[in-house]
């Protein structure tokens, strides 16, 4: 099990297999501010760290009244329906 490390200036390199095997511990370290560079076969494949400050929480209903559905949304033109049925 990986030990907690203080936040450092450069991200810690971790293999994908080790990261996956200790996911909960690594995610706790990310919450504490640690950053990681994930590697697979010595190649960097991803970086993981705390979210930037501009990432906010979702606000349900934020688009209410802004999305319009066309009146013919769930109707299919007759020629298209025929083409689909003939191919079956």
Protein backbone atom coordinates (compact mmCIF):
# COMPACT_ATOMS: atom_id res chain seq x y z
CA UNK A 1 0.00 0.00 0.00
CA UNK A 2 1.51 3.36 -0.96
CA UNK A 3 2.32 5.78 1.81
CA UNK A 4 0.99 9.33 1.96
CA UNK A 5 3.44 11.82 0.58
CA UNK A 6 3.40 15.57 0.89
CA UNK A 7 2.58 17.70 -2.13
CA UNK A 8 5.75 18.24 -4.15
CA UNK A 9 6.53 20.48 -7.07
CA UNK A 10 6.82 17.63 -9.57
CA UNK A 11 4.24 14.85 -9.95
CA UNK A 12 5.11 11.36 -8.75
CA UNK A 13 5.45 8.72 -11.48
CA UNK A 14 3.30 5.65 -10.90
CA UNK A 15 2.64 2.60 -13.04
CA UNK A 16 -0.93 2.01 -14.15
CA UNK A 17 -1.00 -1.41 -12.50
CA UNK A 18 0.13 0.01 -9.13
CA UNK A 19 -2.34 2.89 -9.45
CA UNK A 20 -5.24 0.56 -10.24
CA UNK A 21 -4.32 -1.79 -7.39
CA UNK A 22 -4.29 1.03 -4.82
CA UNK A 23 -6.88 3.35 -6.35
CA UNK A 24 -8.55 4.43 -3.11
CA UNK A 25 -5.25 5.39 -1.51
CA UNK A 26 -4.07 7.30 -4.58
CA UNK A 27 -7.37 9.18 -4.87
CA UNK A 28 -7.08 10.20 -1.22
CA UNK A 29 -3.61 11.56 -1.97
CA UNK A 30 -5.02 13.47 -4.94
CA UNK A 31 -7.62 15.01 -2.63
CA UNK A 32 -4.72 16.05 -0.39
CA UNK A 33 -3.13 17.89 -3.34
CA UNK A 34 -0.69 15.28 -4.70
CA UNK A 35 -0.29 14.96 -8.49
CA UNK A 36 0.63 11.75 -10.34
CA UNK A 37 1.92 10.88 -13.79
CA UNK A 38 0.64 7.44 -14.81
CA UNK A 39 2.92 5.29 -16.93
CA UNK A 40 2.45 2.11 -18.91
CA UNK A 41 5.56 0.32 -20.15
CA UNK A 42 7.62 3.39 -19.19
CA UNK A 43 5.48 5.70 -21.35
CA UNK A 44 3.42 8.49 -19.83
CA UNK A 45 -0.28 7.82 -20.51
CA UNK A 46 -2.05 10.22 -18.15
CA UNK A 47 -1.75 12.80 -15.44
CA UNK A 48 -4.02 12.96 -12.44
CA UNK A 49 -4.32 15.64 -9.82
CA UNK A 50 -6.77 17.85 -7.99
CA UNK A 51 -9.23 19.71 -10.23
CA UNK A 52 -8.42 23.27 -11.22
CA UNK A 53 -10.27 26.00 -9.39
CA UNK A 54 -12.49 26.77 -12.39
CA UNK A 55 -14.21 23.36 -12.23
CA UNK A 56 -17.49 23.89 -10.44
CA UNK A 57 -20.24 21.64 -9.26
CA UNK A 58 -23.06 20.81 -11.66
CA UNK A 59 -26.23 22.78 -11.17
CA UNK A 60 -29.29 20.70 -12.05
CA UNK A 61 -31.77 22.67 -14.08
CA UNK A 62 -29.22 25.28 -15.20
CA UNK A 63 -30.41 24.96 -18.82
CA UNK A 64 -34.14 24.89 -18.00
CA UNK A 65 -36.01 26.95 -20.59
CA UNK A 66 -33.00 27.19 -22.93
CA UNK A 67 -33.39 23.87 -24.75
CA UNK A 68 -36.15 23.57 -27.32
CA UNK A 69 -37.33 20.35 -28.93
CA UNK A 70 -38.69 20.55 -32.44
CA UNK A 71 -42.38 19.73 -32.85
CA UNK A 72 -41.51 16.88 -35.25
CA UNK A 73 -38.80 15.43 -32.99
CA UNK A 74 -40.34 11.98 -32.69
CA UNK A 75 -41.93 11.68 -36.14
CA UNK A 76 -40.16 10.05 -39.06
CA UNK A 77 -40.68 11.20 -42.67
CA UNK A 78 -42.68 8.60 -44.62
CA UNK A 79 -39.96 8.09 -47.27
CA UNK A 80 -37.31 7.42 -44.64
CA UNK A 81 -39.58 5.03 -42.74
CA UNK A 82 -40.34 3.15 -45.98
CA UNK A 83 -36.65 2.90 -46.85
CA UNK A 84 -35.90 1.47 -43.41
CA UNK A 85 -38.76 -1.03 -43.55
CA UNK A 86 -37.88 -2.19 -47.06
CA UNK A 87 -34.32 -2.98 -45.99
CA UNK A 88 -35.44 -5.23 -43.13
